[in-house]
Amino acid sequence: MLIKPHQYRSFLVANAQPESCHIIFCSDGFCKMTGFTRAEVMQRSACTEFLQGQMTSQAVVQSIKEALRKGEEQHFEILYYRKNGEF
């Protein structure tokens, strides 16, 4: 079996304008990993509220929002949930 190097990458691309900051693309890997279809993800906020759950750190969520607002590159560790509620 031939495995392409990018076959298992999961990512989002968002509009970098602070006013909107909407998701404009998601990879097939992202859809497979989260259980959301591309249509369900497109145009949602890059703050990814739709992936957050009870155990998602609100402090990290606020840090993500701040980084998006400032247009800064940051690295975060955050617990996200799949569409079916699993994490």
PDB file of N, CA and C in Angstrom:
ATOM      1  N   MET A   1       0.845  -1.170   0.000  1.00  0.00           N
ATOM      2  CA  MET A   1       0.000   0.000   0.000  1.00  0.00           C
ATOM      3  C   MET A   1       0.894   1.237   0.000  1.00  0.00           C
ATOM      4  N   LEU A   2       0.591   2.173  -0.858  1.00  0.00           N
ATOM      5  CA  LEU A   2       1.335   3.421  -0.951  1.00  0.00           C
ATOM      6  C   LEU A   2       0.643   4.482  -0.102  1.00  0.00           C
ATOM      7  N   ILE A   3       1.378   5.087   0.809  1.00  0.00           N
ATOM      8  CA  ILE A   3       0.827   6.147   1.659  1.00  0.00           C
ATOM      9  C   ILE A   3       1.467   7.462   1.257  1.00  0.00           C
ATOM     10  N   LYS A   4       0.645   8.410   0.908  1.00  0.00           N
ATOM     11  CA  LYS A   4       1.142   9.734   0.541  1.00  0.00           C
ATOM     12  C   LYS A   4       1.526  10.488   1.807  1.00  0.00           C
ATOM     13  N   PRO A   5       2.573  11.311   1.772  1.00  0.00           N
ATOM     14  CA  PRO A   5       3.032  12.027   2.966  1.00  0.00           C
ATOM     15  C   PRO A   5       1.954  12.897   3.610  1.00  0.00           C
ATOM     16  N   HIS A   6       1.060  13.474   2.845  1.00  0.00           N
ATOM     17  CA  HIS A   6       0.046  14.379   3.382  1.00  0.00           C
ATOM     18  C   HIS A   6      -1.279  13.679   3.691  1.00  0.00           C
ATOM     19  N   GLN A   7      -1.330  12.369   3.539  1.00  0.00           N
ATOM     20  CA  GLN A   7      -2.577  11.625   3.631  1.00  0.00           C
ATOM     21  C   GLN A   7      -3.271  11.776   4.989  1.00  0.00           C
ATOM     22  N   TYR A   8      -2.533  11.919   6.064  1.00  0.00           N
ATOM     23  CA  TYR A   8      -3.141  11.943   7.388  1.00  0.00           C
ATOM     24  C   TYR A   8      -3.101  13.319   8.043  1.00  0.00           C
ATOM     25  N   ARG A   9      -2.865  14.349   7.278  1.00  0.00           N
ATOM     26  CA  ARG A   9      -2.836  15.698   7.842  1.00  0.00           C
ATOM     27  C   ARG A   9      -4.252  16.211   8.019  1.00  0.00           C
ATOM     28  N   SER A  10      -4.482  16.850   9.145  1.00  0.00           N
ATOM     29  CA  SER A  10      -5.790  17.419   9.462  1.00  0.00           C
ATOM     30  C   SER A  10      -5.596  18.885   9.784  1.00  0.00           C
ATOM     31  N   PHE A  11      -6.244  19.753   9.006  1.00  0.00           N
ATOM     32  CA  PHE A  11      -6.035  21.177   9.241  1.00  0.00           C
ATOM     33  C   PHE A  11      -7.213  22.002   8.751  1.00  0.00           C
ATOM     34  N   LEU A  12      -7.241  23.233   9.243  1.00  0.00           N
ATOM     35  CA  LEU A  12      -8.210  24.248   8.832  1.00  0.00           C
ATOM     36  C   LEU A  12      -7.451  25.425   8.258  1.00  0.00           C
ATOM     37  N   VAL A  13      -8.077  26.155   7.355  1.00  0.00           N
ATOM     38  CA  VAL A  13      -7.558  27.426   6.864  1.00  0.00           C
ATOM     39  C   VAL A  13      -8.655  28.444   7.119  1.00  0.00           C
ATOM     40  N   ALA A  14      -8.267  29.584   7.705  1.00  0.00           N
ATOM     41  CA  ALA A  14      -9.260  30.607   8.035  1.00  0.00           C
ATOM     42  C   ALA A  14      -8.872  31.949   7.443  1.00  0.00           C
ATOM     43  N   ASN A  15      -9.857  32.773   7.201  1.00  0.00           N
ATOM     44  CA  ASN A  15      -9.650  34.152   6.777  1.00  0.00           C
ATOM     45  C   ASN A  15      -8.982  34.881   7.934  1.00  0.00           C
ATOM     46  N   ALA A  16      -7.901  35.564   7.682  1.00  0.00           N
ATOM     47  CA  ALA A  16      -7.133  36.218   8.749  1.00  0.00           C
ATOM     48  C   ALA A  16      -7.682  37.582   9.148  1.00  0.00           C
ATOM     49  N   GLN A  17      -8.787  37.996   8.580  1.00  0.00           N
ATOM     50  CA  GLN A  17      -9.367  39.286   8.950  1.00  0.00           C
ATOM     51  C   GLN A  17     -10.061  39.159  10.303  1.00  0.00           C
ATOM     52  N   PRO A  18      -9.665  39.966  11.291  1.00  0.00           N
ATOM     53  CA  PRO A  18     -10.229  39.849  12.637  1.00  0.00           C
ATOM     54  C   PRO A  18     -11.750  39.996  12.691  1.00  0.00           C
ATOM     55  N   GLU A  19     -12.333  40.768  11.783  1.00  0.00           N
ATOM     56  CA  GLU A  19     -13.780  40.972  11.824  1.00  0.00           C
ATOM     57  C   GLU A  19     -14.542  39.680  11.540  1.00  0.00           C
ATOM     58  N   SER A  20     -13.990  38.859  10.669  1.00  0.00           N
ATOM     59  CA  SER A  20     -14.716  37.648  10.290  1.00  0.00           C
ATOM     60  C   SER A  20     -14.045  36.401  10.841  1.00  0.00           C
ATOM     61  N   CYS A  21     -12.802  36.192  10.479  1.00  0.00           N
ATOM     62  CA  CYS A  21     -12.014  35.044  10.934  1.00  0.00           C
ATOM     63  C   CYS A  21     -12.787  33.727  10.777  1.00  0.00           C
ATOM     64  N   HIS A  22     -13.411  33.566   9.611  1.00  0.00           N
ATOM     65  CA  HIS A  22     -14.167  32.353   9.333  1.00  0.00           C
ATOM     66  C   HIS A  22     -13.298  31.307   8.646  1.00  0.00           C
ATOM     67  N   ILE A  23     -13.651  30.069   8.849  1.00  0.00           N
ATOM     68  CA  ILE A  23     -12.962  28.958   8.207  1.00  0.00           C
ATOM     69  C   ILE A  23     -13.315  28.976   6.720  1.00  0.00           C
ATOM     70  N   ILE A  24     -12.288  28.910   5.877  1.00  0.00           N
ATOM     71  CA  ILE A  24     -12.525  28.921   4.434  1.00  0.00           C
ATOM     72  C   ILE A  24     -12.135  27.598   3.772  1.00  0.00           C
ATOM     73  N   PHE A  25     -11.480  26.708   4.510  1.00  0.00           N
ATOM     74  CA  PHE A  25     -11.137  25.391   3.986  1.00  0.00           C
ATOM     75  C   PHE A  25     -10.850  24.458   5.144  1.00  0.00           C
ATOM     76  N   CYS A  26     -11.192  23.184   4.975  1.00  0.00           N
ATOM     77  CA  CYS A  26     -10.759  22.148   5.921  1.00  0.00           C
ATOM     78  C   CYS A  26     -10.353  20.923   5.111  1.00  0.00           C
ATOM     79  N   SER A  27      -9.337  20.248   5.590  1.00  0.00           N
ATOM     80  CA  SER A  27      -8.816  19.080   4.877  1.00  0.00           C
ATOM     81  C   SER A  27      -9.743  17.880   5.059  1.00  0.00           C
ATOM     82  N   ASP A  28      -9.605  16.921   4.158  1.00  0.00           N
ATOM     83  CA  ASP A  28     -10.361  15.678   4.289  1.00  0.00           C
ATOM     84  C   ASP A  28     -10.025  14.990   5.607  1.00  0.00           C
ATOM     85  N   GLY A  29      -8.743  15.065   5.999  1.00  0.00           N
ATOM     86  CA  GLY A  29      -8.323  14.468   7.265  1.00  0.00           C
ATOM     87  C   GLY A  29      -9.021  15.094   8.454  1.00  0.00           C
ATOM     88  N   PHE A  30      -9.237  16.411   8.397  1.00  0.00           N
ATOM     89  CA  PHE A  30      -9.948  17.094   9.474  1.00  0.00           C
ATOM     90  C   PHE A  30     -11.382  16.575   9.557  1.00  0.00           C
ATOM     91  N   CYS A  31     -12.031  16.443   8.420  1.00  0.00           N
ATOM     92  CA  CYS A  31     -13.408  15.938   8.399  1.00  0.00           C
ATOM     93  C   CYS A  31     -13.476  14.518   8.953  1.00  0.00           C
ATOM     94  N   LYS A  32     -12.532  13.689   8.550  1.00  0.00           N
ATOM     95  CA  LYS A  32     -12.504  12.305   9.028  1.00  0.00           C
ATOM     96  C   LYS A  32     -12.253  12.255  10.534  1.00  0.00           C
ATOM     97  N   MET A  33     -11.337  13.075  11.017  1.00  0.00           N
ATOM     98  CA  MET A  33     -10.976  13.079  12.431  1.00  0.00           C
ATOM     99  C   MET A  33     -12.123  13.570  13.318  1.00  0.00           C
ATOM    100  N   THR A  34     -12.855  14.595  12.871  1.00  0.00           N
ATOM    101  CA  THR A  34     -13.875  15.221  13.717  1.00  0.00           C
ATOM    102  C   THR A  34     -15.286  14.699  13.491  1.00  0.00           C
ATOM    103  N   GLY A  35     -15.537  14.107  12.330  1.00  0.00           N
ATOM    104  CA  GLY A  35     -16.882  13.635  12.022  1.00  0.00           C
ATOM    105  C   GLY A  35     -17.775  14.690  11.390  1.00  0.00           C
ATOM    106  N   PHE A  36     -17.252  15.893  11.207  1.00  0.00           N
ATOM    107  CA  PHE A  36     -18.005  16.962  10.550  1.00  0.00           C
ATOM    108  C   PHE A  36     -17.745  16.907   9.051  1.00  0.00           C
ATOM    109  N   THR A  37     -18.747  17.242   8.257  1.00  0.00           N
ATOM    110  CA  THR A  37     -18.540  17.360   6.819  1.00  0.00           C
ATOM    111  C   THR A  37     -17.940  18.729   6.527  1.00  0.00           C
ATOM    112  N   ARG A  38     -17.361  18.859   5.349  1.00  0.00           N
ATOM    113  CA  ARG A  38     -16.797  20.152   4.951  1.00  0.00           C
ATOM    114  C   ARG A  38     -17.882  21.236   4.976  1.00  0.00           C
ATOM    115  N   ALA A  39     -19.073  20.918   4.511  1.00  0.00           N
ATOM    116  CA  ALA A  39     -20.168  21.894   4.499  1.00  0.00           C
ATOM    117  C   ALA A  39     -20.528  22.351   5.913  1.00  0.00           C
ATOM    118  N   GLU A  40     -20.413  21.468   6.894  1.00  0.00           N
ATOM    119  CA  GLU A  40     -20.722  21.831   8.277  1.00  0.00           C
ATOM    120  C   GLU A  40     -19.649  22.726   8.894  1.00  0.00           C
ATOM    121  N   VAL A  41     -18.436  22.645   8.388  1.00  0.00           N
ATOM    122  CA  VAL A  41     -17.311  23.390   8.953  1.00  0.00           C
ATOM    123  C   VAL A  41     -17.129  24.756   8.294  1.00  0.00           C
ATOM    124  N   MET A  42     -17.342  24.820   6.992  1.00  0.00           N
ATOM    125  CA  MET A  42     -17.087  26.049   6.239  1.00  0.00           C
ATOM    126  C   MET A  42     -17.878  27.228   6.795  1.00  0.00           C
ATOM    127  N   GLN A  43     -17.224  28.362   6.881  1.00  0.00           N
ATOM    128  CA  GLN A  43     -17.770  29.639   7.334  1.00  0.00           C
ATOM    129  C   GLN A  43     -18.051  29.691   8.838  1.00  0.00           C
ATOM    130  N   ARG A  44     -17.670  28.655   9.577  1.00  0.00           N
ATOM    131  CA  ARG A  44     -17.752  28.750  11.041  1.00  0.00           C
ATOM    132  C   ARG A  44     -16.571  29.563  11.533  1.00  0.00           C
ATOM    133  N   SER A  45     -16.649  30.003  12.760  1.00  0.00           N
ATOM    134  CA  SER A  45     -15.584  30.807  13.351  1.00  0.00           C
ATOM    135  C   SER A  45     -14.302  29.989  13.512  1.00  0.00           C
ATOM    136  N   ALA A  46     -13.172  30.618  13.245  1.00  0.00           N
ATOM    137  CA  ALA A  46     -11.879  29.966  13.448  1.00  0.00           C
ATOM    138  C   ALA A  46     -11.600  29.731  14.932  1.00  0.00           C
ATOM    139  N   CYS A  47     -12.408  30.293  15.797  1.00  0.00           N
ATOM    140  CA  CYS A  47     -12.275  30.030  17.241  1.00  0.00           C
ATOM    141  C   CYS A  47     -12.761  28.628  17.588  1.00  0.00           C
ATOM    142  N   THR A  48     -13.367  27.956  16.648  1.00  0.00           N
ATOM    143  CA  THR A  48     -13.764  26.545  16.722  1.00  0.00           C
ATOM    144  C   THR A  48     -14.652  26.198  17.917  1.00  0.00           C
ATOM    145  N   GLU A  49     -15.606  27.047  18.196  1.00  0.00           N
ATOM    146  CA  GLU A  49     -16.544  26.759  19.281  1.00  0.00           C
ATOM    147  C   GLU A  49     -17.258  25.424  19.073  1.00  0.00           C
ATOM    148  N   PHE A  50     -17.480  25.046  17.824  1.00  0.00           N
ATOM    149  CA  PHE A  50     -18.206  23.811  17.521  1.00  0.00           C
ATOM    150  C   PHE A  50     -17.431  22.558  17.919  1.00  0.00           C
ATOM    151  N   LEU A  51     -16.145  22.694  18.237  1.00  0.00           N
ATOM    152  CA  LEU A  51     -15.333  21.557  18.669  1.00  0.00           C
ATOM    153  C   LEU A  51     -15.124  21.529  20.181  1.00  0.00           C
ATOM    154  N   GLN A  52     -15.619  22.517  20.867  1.00  0.00           N
ATOM    155  CA  GLN A  52     -15.393  22.626  22.304  1.00  0.00           C
ATOM    156  C   GLN A  52     -16.449  21.856  23.085  1.00  0.00           C
ATOM    157  N   GLY A  53     -16.032  21.376  24.249  1.00  0.00           N
ATOM    158  CA  GLY A  53     -16.930  20.626  25.115  1.00  0.00           C
ATOM    159  C   GLY A  53     -16.686  20.975  26.567  1.00  0.00           C
ATOM    160  N   GLN A  54     -17.280  20.194  27.429  1.00  0.00           N
ATOM    161  CA  GLN A  54     -17.251  20.452  28.866  1.00  0.00           C
ATOM    162  C   GLN A  54     -15.831  20.535  29.432  1.00  0.00           C
ATOM    163  N   MET A  55     -14.922  19.731  28.928  1.00  0.00           N
ATOM    164  CA  MET A  55     -13.566  19.701  29.482  1.00  0.00           C
ATOM    165  C   MET A  55     -12.573  20.556  28.696  1.00  0.00           C
ATOM    166  N   THR A  56     -13.061  21.322  27.730  1.00  0.00           N
ATOM    167  CA  THR A  56     -12.193  22.226  26.974  1.00  0.00           C
ATOM    168  C   THR A  56     -11.834  23.417  27.853  1.00  0.00           C
ATOM    169  N   SER A  57     -10.562  23.728  27.951  1.00  0.00           N
ATOM    170  CA  SER A  57     -10.092  24.834  28.790  1.00  0.00           C
ATOM    171  C   SER A  57     -10.538  26.180  28.226  1.00  0.00           C
ATOM    172  N   GLN A  58     -11.320  26.915  28.997  1.00  0.00           N
ATOM    173  CA  GLN A  58     -11.772  28.233  28.554  1.00  0.00           C
ATOM    174  C   GLN A  58     -10.627  29.242  28.568  1.00  0.00           C
ATOM    175  N   ALA A  59      -9.620  29.011  29.384  1.00  0.00           N
ATOM    176  CA  ALA A  59      -8.444  29.891  29.381  1.00  0.00           C
ATOM    177  C   ALA A  59      -7.709  29.773  28.045  1.00  0.00           C
ATOM    178  N   VAL A  60      -7.576  28.553  27.541  1.00  0.00           N
ATOM    179  CA  VAL A  60      -6.922  28.355  26.249  1.00  0.00           C
ATOM    180  C   VAL A  60      -7.794  28.923  25.133  1.00  0.00           C
ATOM    181  N   VAL A  61      -9.102  28.744  25.230  1.00  0.00           N
ATOM    182  CA  VAL A  61     -10.022  29.309  24.235  1.00  0.00           C
ATOM    183  C   VAL A  61      -9.831  30.819  24.154  1.00  0.00           C
ATOM    184  N   GLN A  62      -9.736  31.477  25.297  1.00  0.00           N
ATOM    185  CA  GLN A  62      -9.533  32.928  25.307  1.00  0.00           C
ATOM    186  C   GLN A  62      -8.179  33.303  24.703  1.00  0.00           C
ATOM    187  N   SER A  63      -7.162  32.496  24.961  1.00  0.00           N
ATOM    188  CA  SER A  63      -5.837  32.746  24.373  1.00  0.00           C
ATOM    189  C   SER A  63      -5.874  32.613  22.855  1.00  0.00           C
ATOM    190  N   ILE A  64      -6.626  31.644  22.359  1.00  0.00           N
ATOM    191  CA  ILE A  64      -6.774  31.469  20.912  1.00  0.00           C
ATOM    192  C   ILE A  64      -7.474  32.677  20.309  1.00  0.00           C
ATOM    193  N   LYS A  65      -8.552  33.107  20.939  1.00  0.00           N
ATOM    194  CA  LYS A  65      -9.290  34.275  20.442  1.00  0.00           C
ATOM    195  C   LYS A  65      -8.401  35.514  20.414  1.00  0.00           C
ATOM    196  N   GLU A  66      -7.602  35.686  21.440  1.00  0.00           N
ATOM    197  CA  GLU A  66      -6.696  36.836  21.514  1.00  0.00           C
ATOM    198  C   GLU A  66      -5.639  36.773  20.411  1.00  0.00           C
ATOM    199  N   ALA A  67      -5.071  35.586  20.193  1.00  0.00           N
ATOM    200  CA  ALA A  67      -4.068  35.433  19.136  1.00  0.00           C
ATOM    201  C   ALA A  67      -4.680  35.709  17.764  1.00  0.00           C
ATOM    202  N   LEU A  68      -5.893  35.235  17.538  1.00  0.00           N
ATOM    203  CA  LEU A  68      -6.568  35.509  16.267  1.00  0.00           C
ATOM    204  C   LEU A  68      -6.835  36.997  16.107  1.00  0.00           C
ATOM    205  N   ARG A  69      -7.267  37.630  17.185  1.00  0.00           N
ATOM    206  CA  ARG A  69      -7.562  39.062  17.137  1.00  0.00           C
ATOM    207  C   ARG A  69      -6.314  39.875  16.796  1.00  0.00           C
ATOM    208  N   LYS A  70      -5.178  39.467  17.375  1.00  0.00           N
ATOM    209  CA  LYS A  70      -3.919  40.184  17.162  1.00  0.00           C
ATOM    210  C   LYS A  70      -3.184  39.732  15.897  1.00  0.00           C
ATOM    211  N   GLY A  71      -3.638  38.646  15.293  1.00  0.00           N
ATOM    212  CA  GLY A  71      -2.954  38.120  14.115  1.00  0.00           C
ATOM    213  C   GLY A  71      -1.614  37.502  14.443  1.00  0.00           C
ATOM    214  N   GLU A  72      -1.496  36.936  15.633  1.00  0.00           N
ATOM    215  CA  GLU A  72      -0.234  36.347  16.086  1.00  0.00           C
ATOM    216  C   GLU A  72      -0.217  34.836  15.864  1.00  0.00           C
ATOM    217  N   GLU A  73       0.962  34.330  15.555  1.00  0.00           N
ATOM    218  CA  GLU A  73       1.137  32.883  15.475  1.00  0.00           C
ATOM    219  C   GLU A  73       1.411  32.370  16.880  1.00  0.00           C
ATOM    220  N   GLN A  74       0.668  31.383  17.299  1.00  0.00           N
ATOM    221  CA  GLN A  74       0.823  30.797  18.628  1.00  0.00           C
ATOM    222  C   GLN A  74       0.648  29.285  18.528  1.00  0.00           C
ATOM    223  N   HIS A  75       1.083  28.589  19.537  1.00  0.00           N
ATOM    224  CA  HIS A  75       0.880  27.146  19.634  1.00  0.00           C
ATOM    225  C   HIS A  75       0.083  26.889  20.903  1.00  0.00           C
ATOM    226  N   PHE A  76      -0.938  26.052  20.794  1.00  0.00           N
ATOM    227  CA  PHE A  76      -1.809  25.754  21.926  1.00  0.00           C
ATOM    228  C   PHE A  76      -2.037  24.252  22.019  1.00  0.00           C
ATOM    229  N   GLU A  77      -2.292  23.808  23.227  1.00  0.00           N
ATOM    230  CA  GLU A  77      -2.754  22.445  23.440  1.00  0.00           C
ATOM    231  C   GLU A  77      -4.156  22.555  24.009  1.00  0.00           C
ATOM    232  N   ILE A  78      -5.117  21.965  23.307  1.00  0.00           N
ATOM    233  CA  ILE A  78      -6.517  22.118  23.700  1.00  0.00           C
ATOM    234  C   ILE A  78      -7.259  20.811  23.441  1.00  0.00           C
ATOM    235  N   LEU A  79      -8.235  20.527  24.275  1.00  0.00           N
ATOM    236  CA  LEU A  79      -9.062  19.339  24.110  1.00  0.00           C
ATOM    237  C   LEU A  79     -10.283  19.711  23.280  1.00  0.00           C
ATOM    238  N   TYR A  80     -10.405  19.083  22.122  1.00  0.00           N
ATOM    239  CA  TYR A  80     -11.558  19.281  21.251  1.00  0.00           C
ATOM    240  C   TYR A  80     -12.370  17.994  21.209  1.00  0.00           C
ATOM    241  N   TYR A  81     -13.613  18.126  20.818  1.00  0.00           N
ATOM    242  CA  TYR A  81     -14.540  17.005  20.747  1.00  0.00           C
ATOM    243  C   TYR A  81     -14.941  16.736  19.300  1.00  0.00           C
ATOM    244  N   ARG A  82     -15.219  15.480  19.018  1.00  0.00           N
ATOM    245  CA  ARG A  82     -15.756  15.113  17.709  1.00  0.00           C
ATOM    246  C   ARG A  82     -17.244  15.465  17.661  1.00  0.00           C
ATOM    247  N   LYS A  83     -17.807  15.376  16.488  1.00  0.00           N
ATOM    248  CA  LYS A  83     -19.223  15.685  16.301  1.00  0.00           C
ATOM    249  C   LYS A  83     -20.107  14.799  17.182  1.00  0.00           C
ATOM    250  N   ASN A  84     -19.700  13.555  17.386  1.00  0.00           N
ATOM    251  CA  ASN A  84     -20.496  12.623  18.191  1.00  0.00           C
ATOM    252  C   ASN A  84     -20.282  12.799  19.700  1.00  0.00           C
ATOM    253  N   GLY A  85     -19.501  13.799  20.105  1.00  0.00           N
ATOM    254  CA  GLY A  85     -19.293  14.084  21.520  1.00  0.00           C
ATOM    255  C   GLY A  85     -18.078  13.416  22.135  1.00  0.00           C
ATOM    256  N   GLU A  86     -17.445  12.507  21.409  1.00  0.00           N
ATOM    257  CA  GLU A  86     -16.232  11.858  21.921  1.00  0.00           C
ATOM    258  C   GLU A  86     -15.057  12.814  21.830  1.00  0.00           C
ATOM    259  N   PHE A  87     -14.046  12.573  22.674  1.00  0.00           N
ATOM    260  CA  PHE A  87     -12.814  13.363  22.568  1.00  0.00           C
ATOM    261  C   PHE A  87     -11.637  12.450  22.459  1.00  0.00           C
TER     262      PHE A  87
END
